[in-house]
């Protein structure tokens, strides 16, 4: 499963499943130490790991959508 970090507040991160939009709270101690909001995490059932490739892909897709919107003006 893959999750986007929606927000980090106190010692809790709100994660959003990027497939179905469901959300869950996770203690930041259970995440990689260098995570920030907007990071993408892969979860194998035991461990969360940063997924920088997925994050870059999503950033690229968003930029492309924004560019299309600009051209429609």
C-alpha atoms as a PDB file:
ATOM      1  CA  UNK A   1       0.000   0.000   0.000  1.00  0.00           C
ATOM      2  CA  UNK A   2       1.063   3.552  -0.594  1.00  0.00           C
ATOM      3  CA  UNK A   3       0.243   6.546   1.545  1.00  0.00           C
ATOM      4  CA  UNK A   4       0.716  10.293   1.247  1.00  0.00           C
ATOM      5  CA  UNK A   5       1.553  12.147   4.440  1.00  0.00           C
ATOM      6  CA  UNK A   6      -1.284  14.634   4.709  1.00  0.00           C
ATOM      7  CA  UNK A   7      -0.086  16.335   7.879  1.00  0.00           C
ATOM      8  CA  UNK A   8       2.126  15.848  10.896  1.00  0.00           C
ATOM      9  CA  UNK A   9       0.966  17.242  14.188  1.00  0.00           C
ATOM     10  CA  UNK A  10       2.577  16.596  17.571  1.00  0.00           C
ATOM     11  CA  UNK A  11       3.709  12.966  17.371  1.00  0.00           C
ATOM     12  CA  UNK A  12       1.046  11.809  14.918  1.00  0.00           C
ATOM     13  CA  UNK A  13       1.066  11.674  11.123  1.00  0.00           C
ATOM     14  CA  UNK A  14      -2.170  11.591   9.150  1.00  0.00           C
ATOM     15  CA  UNK A  15      -1.691   9.249   6.202  1.00  0.00           C
ATOM     16  CA  UNK A  16      -3.948   9.085   3.156  1.00  0.00           C
ATOM     17  CA  UNK A  17      -4.161   5.935   1.088  1.00  0.00           C
ATOM     18  CA  UNK A  18      -3.395   7.144  -2.450  1.00  0.00           C
ATOM     19  CA  UNK A  19      -5.716   4.558  -4.032  1.00  0.00           C
ATOM     20  CA  UNK A  20      -8.926   4.922  -2.072  1.00  0.00           C
ATOM     21  CA  UNK A  21      -8.475   8.124  -0.062  1.00  0.00           C
ATOM     22  CA  UNK A  22      -8.971   6.443   3.299  1.00  0.00           C
ATOM     23  CA  UNK A  23      -7.027   8.010   6.146  1.00  0.00           C
ATOM     24  CA  UNK A  24      -5.310   6.727   9.244  1.00  0.00           C
ATOM     25  CA  UNK A  25      -3.210   8.126  12.033  1.00  0.00           C
ATOM     26  CA  UNK A  26       0.246   6.713  12.737  1.00  0.00           C
ATOM     27  CA  UNK A  27       2.736   7.584  15.454  1.00  0.00           C
ATOM     28  CA  UNK A  28       5.736   9.276  13.821  1.00  0.00           C
ATOM     29  CA  UNK A  29       8.023   6.888  15.707  1.00  0.00           C
ATOM     30  CA  UNK A  30       6.757   4.202  13.307  1.00  0.00           C
ATOM     31  CA  UNK A  31       7.836   6.216  10.235  1.00  0.00           C
ATOM     32  CA  UNK A  32      11.264   6.990   8.782  1.00  0.00           C
ATOM     33  CA  UNK A  33      12.900   9.756  10.829  1.00  0.00           C
ATOM     34  CA  UNK A  34      13.196  12.248   7.967  1.00  0.00           C
ATOM     35  CA  UNK A  35       9.585  12.252   6.693  1.00  0.00           C
ATOM     36  CA  UNK A  36       7.791  15.491   5.880  1.00  0.00           C
ATOM     37  CA  UNK A  37       4.275  16.380   4.823  1.00  0.00           C
ATOM     38  CA  UNK A  38       3.634  15.454   1.170  1.00  0.00           C
ATOM     39  CA  UNK A  39       6.053  12.490   1.252  1.00  0.00           C
ATOM     40  CA  UNK A  40       4.841   9.185  -0.158  1.00  0.00           C
ATOM     41  CA  UNK A  41       5.327   6.040   1.893  1.00  0.00           C
ATOM     42  CA  UNK A  42       5.170   2.398   0.899  1.00  0.00           C
ATOM     43  CA  UNK A  43       3.892   0.008   3.545  1.00  0.00           C
ATOM     44  CA  UNK A  44       4.560  -3.725   3.416  1.00  0.00           C
ATOM     45  CA  UNK A  45       2.432  -4.626   6.415  1.00  0.00           C
ATOM     46  CA  UNK A  46       5.253  -4.062   8.894  1.00  0.00           C
ATOM     47  CA  UNK A  47       7.448  -1.194   7.787  1.00  0.00           C
ATOM     48  CA  UNK A  48       6.918   2.216   6.197  1.00  0.00           C
ATOM     49  CA  UNK A  49       9.577   3.337   3.719  1.00  0.00           C
ATOM     50  CA  UNK A  50       9.929   6.524   1.703  1.00  0.00           C
ATOM     51  CA  UNK A  51       8.928   6.144  -1.944  1.00  0.00           C
ATOM     52  CA  UNK A  52      10.699   9.019  -3.682  1.00  0.00           C
ATOM     53  CA  UNK A  53      10.004   7.613  -7.153  1.00  0.00           C
ATOM     54  CA  UNK A  54       6.248   7.711  -6.529  1.00  0.00           C
ATOM     55  CA  UNK A  55       6.517  11.220  -5.085  1.00  0.00           C
ATOM     56  CA  UNK A  56       8.373  12.489  -8.153  1.00  0.00           C
ATOM     57  CA  UNK A  57       5.838  10.844 -10.459  1.00  0.00           C
ATOM     58  CA  UNK A  58       2.937  12.507  -8.617  1.00  0.00           C
ATOM     59  CA  UNK A  59       4.679  15.903  -8.695  1.00  0.00           C
ATOM     60  CA  UNK A  60       5.214  15.520 -12.459  1.00  0.00           C
ATOM     61  CA  UNK A  61       1.552  14.602 -12.998  1.00  0.00           C
ATOM     62  CA  UNK A  62       0.360  17.601 -10.978  1.00  0.00           C
ATOM     63  CA  UNK A  63       2.652  19.950 -12.900  1.00  0.00           C
ATOM     64  CA  UNK A  64       1.327  18.607 -16.201  1.00  0.00           C
ATOM     65  CA  UNK A  65      -2.270  19.113 -15.076  1.00  0.00           C
ATOM     66  CA  UNK A  66      -1.508  22.650 -13.923  1.00  0.00           C
ATOM     67  CA  UNK A  67       0.117  23.430 -17.269  1.00  0.00           C
ATOM     68  CA  UNK A  68      -2.957  22.180 -19.144  1.00  0.00           C
ATOM     69  CA  UNK A  69      -5.177  24.367 -16.985  1.00  0.00           C
ATOM     70  CA  UNK A  70      -2.998  27.410 -17.714  1.00  0.00           C
ATOM     71  CA  UNK A  71      -3.225  26.785 -21.454  1.00  0.00           C
ATOM     72  CA  UNK A  72      -7.035  26.694 -21.341  1.00  0.00           C
ATOM     73  CA  UNK A  73      -7.199  30.322 -20.204  1.00  0.00           C
END
